[in-house]
C-alpha atoms as a PDB file:
ATOM      1  CA  UNK A   1      81.020 103.638 101.771  1.00  0.00           C
ATOM      2  CA  UNK A   2      81.281 104.249  98.168  1.00  0.00           C
ATOM      3  CA  UNK A   3      78.065 105.048  96.204  1.00  0.00           C
ATOM      4  CA  UNK A   4      79.310 103.141  93.126  1.00  0.00           C
ATOM      5  CA  UNK A   5      80.074  99.304  93.021  1.00  0.00           C
ATOM      6  CA  UNK A   6      83.197 100.393  90.914  1.00  0.00           C
ATOM      7  CA  UNK A   7      86.659 101.820  92.021  1.00  0.00           C
ATOM      8  CA  UNK A   8      86.949 105.459  91.606  1.00  0.00           C
ATOM      9  CA  UNK A   9      90.296 106.774  90.431  1.00  0.00           C
ATOM     10  CA  UNK A  10      91.779 107.399  93.838  1.00  0.00           C
ATOM     11  CA  UNK A  11      90.758 103.848  94.799  1.00  0.00           C
ATOM     12  CA  UNK A  12      92.364 102.398  91.628  1.00  0.00           C
ATOM     13  CA  UNK A  13      95.547 104.273  92.202  1.00  0.00           C
ATOM     14  CA  UNK A  14      95.791 102.777  95.717  1.00  0.00           C
ATOM     15  CA  UNK A  15      94.427  99.336  95.152  1.00  0.00           C
ATOM     16  CA  UNK A  16      96.532  98.090  92.249  1.00  0.00           C
ATOM     17  CA  UNK A  17     100.008  98.969  93.762  1.00  0.00           C
ATOM     18  CA  UNK A  18      99.024  97.675  97.105  1.00  0.00           C
ATOM     19  CA  UNK A  19      97.906  94.182  95.704  1.00  0.00           C
ATOM     20  CA  UNK A  20     100.954  93.887  93.376  1.00  0.00           C
ATOM     21  CA  UNK A  21     103.406  95.136  96.121  1.00  0.00           C
ATOM     22  CA  UNK A  22     102.065  92.872  98.847  1.00  0.00           C
ATOM     23  CA  UNK A  23     101.992  89.894  96.538  1.00  0.00           C
ATOM     24  CA  UNK A  24     105.473  90.622  95.256  1.00  0.00           C
ATOM     25  CA  UNK A  25     106.999  91.316  98.789  1.00  0.00           C
ATOM     26  CA  UNK A  26     105.575  88.059 100.302  1.00  0.00           C
ATOM     27  CA  UNK A  27     106.650  85.981  97.278  1.00  0.00           C
ATOM     28  CA  UNK A  28     110.161  87.369  97.665  1.00  0.00           C
ATOM     29  CA  UNK A  29     110.235  86.674 101.467  1.00  0.00           C
ATOM     30  CA  UNK A  30     108.879  83.369 100.699  1.00  0.00           C
ATOM     31  CA  UNK A  31     111.555  82.519  98.145  1.00  0.00           C
ATOM     32  CA  UNK A  32     114.346  83.659 100.468  1.00  0.00           C
ATOM     33  CA  UNK A  33     113.203  81.491 103.369  1.00  0.00           C
ATOM     34  CA  UNK A  34     112.536  78.495 101.201  1.00  0.00           C
ATOM     35  CA  UNK A  35     116.071  78.777  99.665  1.00  0.00           C
ATOM     36  CA  UNK A  36     117.720  79.069 103.032  1.00  0.00           C
ATOM     37  CA  UNK A  37     115.581  76.915 105.330  1.00  0.00           C
ATOM     38  CA  UNK A  38     112.920  74.994 103.298  1.00  0.00           C
ATOM     39  CA  UNK A  39     110.156  76.930 104.886  1.00  0.00           C
ATOM     40  CA  UNK A  40     107.668  79.322 103.581  1.00  0.00           C
ATOM     41  CA  UNK A  41     106.880  82.790 104.972  1.00  0.00           C
ATOM     42  CA  UNK A  42     103.625  81.342 106.335  1.00  0.00           C
ATOM     43  CA  UNK A  43     105.583  78.481 108.014  1.00  0.00           C
ATOM     44  CA  UNK A  44     107.991  81.066 109.442  1.00  0.00           C
ATOM     45  CA  UNK A  45     104.849  82.971 110.724  1.00  0.00           C
ATOM     46  CA  UNK A  46     103.448  79.816 112.308  1.00  0.00           C
ATOM     47  CA  UNK A  47     106.773  79.032 113.961  1.00  0.00           C
ATOM     48  CA  UNK A  48     107.077  82.584 115.144  1.00  0.00           C
ATOM     49  CA  UNK A  49     103.502  82.606 116.681  1.00  0.00           C
ATOM     50  CA  UNK A  50     104.091  79.169 118.477  1.00  0.00           C
ATOM     51  CA  UNK A  51     107.367  80.516 119.794  1.00  0.00           C
ATOM     52  CA  UNK A  52     105.433  83.115 121.700  1.00  0.00           C
ATOM     53  CA  UNK A  53     102.619  81.090 123.185  1.00  0.00           C
ATOM     54  CA  UNK A  54     102.742  79.501 126.590  1.00  0.00           C
ATOM     55  CA  UNK A  55     104.352  76.127 126.281  1.00  0.00           C
ATOM     56  CA  UNK A  56     104.820  76.895 122.643  1.00  0.00           C
ATOM     57  CA  UNK A  57     101.501  75.344 121.825  1.00  0.00           C
ATOM     58  CA  UNK A  58      98.401  76.737 120.024  1.00  0.00           C
ATOM     59  CA  UNK A  59      95.260  75.346 118.550  1.00  0.00           C
ATOM     60  CA  UNK A  60      95.460  74.656 114.807  1.00  0.00           C
ATOM     61  CA  UNK A  61      92.125  76.413 114.264  1.00  0.00           C
ATOM     62  CA  UNK A  62      93.481  79.476 116.029  1.00  0.00           C
ATOM     63  CA  UNK A  63      96.403  79.426 113.776  1.00  0.00           C
ATOM     64  CA  UNK A  64      94.238  79.276 110.665  1.00  0.00           C
ATOM     65  CA  UNK A  65      92.032  81.945 112.017  1.00  0.00           C
ATOM     66  CA  UNK A  66      95.082  84.333 112.943  1.00  0.00           C
ATOM     67  CA  UNK A  67      96.561  83.959 109.381  1.00  0.00           C
ATOM     68  CA  UNK A  68      93.277  84.067 107.536  1.00  0.00           C
ATOM     69  CA  UNK A  69      93.625  80.860 105.899  1.00  0.00           C
ATOM     70  CA  UNK A  70      91.635  77.663 105.548  1.00  0.00           C
ATOM     71  CA  UNK A  71      92.195  75.025 108.310  1.00  0.00           C
ATOM     72  CA  UNK A  72      93.167  72.536 105.694  1.00  0.00           C
ATOM     73  CA  UNK A  73      96.120  74.852 104.799  1.00  0.00           C
ATOM     74  CA  UNK A  74      97.327  74.776 108.317  1.00  0.00           C
ATOM     75  CA  UNK A  75      96.887  70.930 108.430  1.00  0.00           C
ATOM     76  CA  UNK A  76      98.885  70.545 105.320  1.00  0.00           C
ATOM     77  CA  UNK A  77     101.778  72.804 106.609  1.00  0.00           C
ATOM     78  CA  UNK A  78     101.711  71.021 109.977  1.00  0.00           C
ATOM     79  CA  UNK A  79     102.135  67.676 108.306  1.00  0.00           C
ATOM     80  CA  UNK A  80     105.020  69.079 106.356  1.00  0.00           C
ATOM     81  CA  UNK A  81     106.753  70.831 109.189  1.00  0.00           C
ATOM     82  CA  UNK A  82     106.100  67.725 111.475  1.00  0.00           C
ATOM     83  CA  UNK A  83     108.007  65.510 108.952  1.00  0.00           C
ATOM     84  CA  UNK A  84     110.863  68.013 109.249  1.00  0.00           C
ATOM     85  CA  UNK A  85     110.716  67.836 113.014  1.00  0.00           C
ATOM     86  CA  UNK A  86     109.837  71.343 113.624  1.00  0.00           C
ATOM     87  CA  UNK A  87     106.467  70.878 115.178  1.00  0.00           C
ATOM     88  CA  UNK A  88     104.337  68.064 116.597  1.00  0.00           C
ATOM     89  CA  UNK A  89     100.648  67.720 116.924  1.00  0.00           C
ATOM     90  CA  UNK A  90      99.145  67.084 120.282  1.00  0.00           C
ATOM     91  CA  UNK A  91      95.590  67.381 121.752  1.00  0.00           C
ATOM     92  CA  UNK A  92      94.421  70.429 123.630  1.00  0.00           C
ATOM     93  CA  UNK A  93      94.740  69.743 127.360  1.00  0.00           C
ATOM     94  CA  UNK A  94      91.473  71.530 127.962  1.00  0.00           C
ATOM     95  CA  UNK A  95      89.574  69.876 125.188  1.00  0.00           C
ATOM     96  CA  UNK A  96      90.863  66.455 123.952  1.00  0.00           C
ATOM     97  CA  UNK A  97      88.745  66.851 120.687  1.00  0.00           C
ATOM     98  CA  UNK A  98      91.013  69.816 119.640  1.00  0.00           C
ATOM     99  CA  UNK A  99      94.313  69.419 117.853  1.00  0.00           C
ATOM    100  CA  UNK A 100      97.143  71.792 118.670  1.00  0.00           C
ATOM    101  CA  UNK A 101     100.635  72.359 117.221  1.00  0.00           C
ATOM    102  CA  UNK A 102     103.631  72.415 119.658  1.00  0.00           C
ATOM    103  CA  UNK A 103     106.861  74.065 118.544  1.00  0.00           C
ATOM    104  CA  UNK A 104     109.761  71.558 119.026  1.00  0.00           C
ATOM    105  CA  UNK A 105     113.276  72.534 120.120  1.00  0.00           C
ATOM    106  CA  UNK A 106     114.320  71.862 116.555  1.00  0.00           C
ATOM    107  CA  UNK A 107     111.680  74.161 115.281  1.00  0.00           C
ATOM    108  CA  UNK A 108     112.715  76.960 117.742  1.00  0.00           C
ATOM    109  CA  UNK A 109     116.425  76.408 116.644  1.00  0.00           C
ATOM    110  CA  UNK A 110     115.521  76.769 113.026  1.00  0.00           C
ATOM    111  CA  UNK A 111     113.415  79.782 113.791  1.00  0.00           C
ATOM    112  CA  UNK A 112     116.180  81.457 115.406  1.00  0.00           C
ATOM    113  CA  UNK A 113     118.320  80.993 112.366  1.00  0.00           C
ATOM    114  CA  UNK A 114     115.670  81.990 109.962  1.00  0.00           C
ATOM    115  CA  UNK A 115     114.928  85.157 111.845  1.00  0.00           C
ATOM    116  CA  UNK A 116     117.888  87.019 110.494  1.00  0.00           C
ATOM    117  CA  UNK A 117     117.156  86.104 106.822  1.00  0.00           C
ATOM    118  CA  UNK A 118     113.498  87.077 107.426  1.00  0.00           C
ATOM    119  CA  UNK A 119     114.358  90.507 109.071  1.00  0.00           C
ATOM    120  CA  UNK A 120     117.059  91.348 106.585  1.00  0.00           C
ATOM    121  CA  UNK A 121     114.600  90.581 103.710  1.00  0.00           C
ATOM    122  CA  UNK A 122     111.808  92.671 105.441  1.00  0.00           C
ATOM    123  CA  UNK A 123     114.134  95.429 105.806  1.00  0.00           C
ATOM    124  CA  UNK A 124     115.798  95.201 102.189  1.00  0.00           C
ATOM    125  CA  UNK A 125     112.482  94.781 100.442  1.00  0.00           C
ATOM    126  CA  UNK A 126     110.135  97.069 102.574  1.00  0.00           C
ATOM    127  CA  UNK A 127     111.083  98.806 105.693  1.00  0.00           C
ATOM    128  CA  UNK A 128     114.224 100.592 104.557  1.00  0.00           C
ATOM    129  CA  UNK A 129     112.147 102.320 101.832  1.00  0.00           C
ATOM    130  CA  UNK A 130     109.716 103.944 104.178  1.00  0.00           C
ATOM    131  CA  UNK A 131     110.103 106.789 106.516  1.00  0.00           C
ATOM    132  CA  UNK A 132     108.608 106.786 110.091  1.00  0.00           C
ATOM    133  CA  UNK A 133     105.462 108.666 108.932  1.00  0.00           C
ATOM    134  CA  UNK A 134     104.754 106.041 106.320  1.00  0.00           C
ATOM    135  CA  UNK A 135     105.436 103.195 108.909  1.00  0.00           C
ATOM    136  CA  UNK A 136     102.949 104.821 111.274  1.00  0.00           C
ATOM    137  CA  UNK A 137     100.254 105.189 108.565  1.00  0.00           C
ATOM    138  CA  UNK A 138     100.727 101.560 107.620  1.00  0.00           C
ATOM    139  CA  UNK A 139     100.433 100.632 111.342  1.00  0.00           C
ATOM    140  CA  UNK A 140      97.201 102.509 111.588  1.00  0.00           C
ATOM    141  CA  UNK A 141      95.676 101.422 108.310  1.00  0.00           C
ATOM    142  CA  UNK A 142      96.260  97.700 109.099  1.00  0.00           C
ATOM    143  CA  UNK A 143      95.302  97.920 112.790  1.00  0.00           C
ATOM    144  CA  UNK A 144      91.944  99.214 111.519  1.00  0.00           C
ATOM    145  CA  UNK A 145      91.539  96.551 108.936  1.00  0.00           C
ATOM    146  CA  UNK A 146      92.589  93.890 111.361  1.00  0.00           C
ATOM    147  CA  UNK A 147      90.047  95.081 113.885  1.00  0.00           C
ATOM    148  CA  UNK A 148      87.117  94.652 111.340  1.00  0.00           C
ATOM    149  CA  UNK A 149      88.557  91.437 109.873  1.00  0.00           C
ATOM    150  CA  UNK A 150      88.858  89.698 113.176  1.00  0.00           C
ATOM    151  CA  UNK A 151      86.188  90.697 115.525  1.00  0.00           C
ATOM    152  CA  UNK A 152      85.686  87.347 117.409  1.00  0.00           C
ATOM    153  CA  UNK A 153      86.749  86.639 121.079  1.00  0.00           C
ATOM    154  CA  UNK A 154      88.977  84.037 120.059  1.00  0.00           C
ATOM    155  CA  UNK A 155      91.019  86.514 117.917  1.00  0.00           C
ATOM    156  CA  UNK A 156      90.861  89.050 120.722  1.00  0.00           C
ATOM    157  CA  UNK A 157      92.584  86.471 122.763  1.00  0.00           C
ATOM    158  CA  UNK A 158      95.331  86.139 120.171  1.00  0.00           C
ATOM    159  CA  UNK A 159      95.760  89.825 119.831  1.00  0.00           C
ATOM    160  CA  UNK A 160      96.160  90.107 123.585  1.00  0.00           C
ATOM    161  CA  UNK A 161      98.570  87.314 123.795  1.00  0.00           C
ATOM    162  CA  UNK A 162     101.101  88.215 121.020  1.00  0.00           C
ATOM    163  CA  UNK A 163     103.528  90.706 122.168  1.00  0.00           C
ATOM    164  CA  UNK A 164     103.796  93.631 119.655  1.00  0.00           C
ATOM    165  CA  UNK A 165     107.336  94.363 120.424  1.00  0.00           C
ATOM    166  CA  UNK A 166     110.515  92.194 121.137  1.00  0.00           C
ATOM    167  CA  UNK A 167     110.069  92.891 124.857  1.00  0.00           C
ATOM    168  CA  UNK A 168     110.951  89.720 126.717  1.00  0.00           C
ATOM    169  CA  UNK A 169     112.310  87.950 123.634  1.00  0.00           C
ATOM    170  CA  UNK A 170     116.057  88.360 123.323  1.00  0.00           C
ATOM    171  CA  UNK A 171     115.829  87.571 119.532  1.00  0.00           C
ATOM    172  CA  UNK A 172     113.028  90.044 118.966  1.00  0.00           C
ATOM    173  CA  UNK A 173     110.953  87.601 117.023  1.00  0.00           C
ATOM    174  CA  UNK A 174     108.686  89.161 114.220  1.00  0.00           C
ATOM    175  CA  UNK A 175     106.800  88.060 111.341  1.00  0.00           C
END
């Protein structure tokens, strides 16, 4: 932990490009997905996550927690995607008070089409510009950060449930 409340020079040199780069990258991916499929990058992530859940169902609160957004953000997106026929709300079979999202067949079909645009964008704007050492460093850094950001049992369940590779998924879905 730093002794000063301010960034030192090394921290400044790391922080500013990180923030600007991530915001620009996500904005670019968002724009490409919206132009092609009328979904945002976060919508894509929600659909992808639902595709990997048993019965393609997940609690809305779990989705909010996984993506680090306010539950109202998931509710807004669920309403929009529901009107597009991509998802439907349902009650949790184990707790009728809890609302879940279910990925519809239409949503899965759209996800399969959007996957190529997403992967090509991720490669073009990010992955193709990094060597294996840099990719491993990013994985290590964000695995560490994820562990301290999401320590709850509920999130541990999500981390165990989500496959980290495309094993078992012919399309190799990825965020």
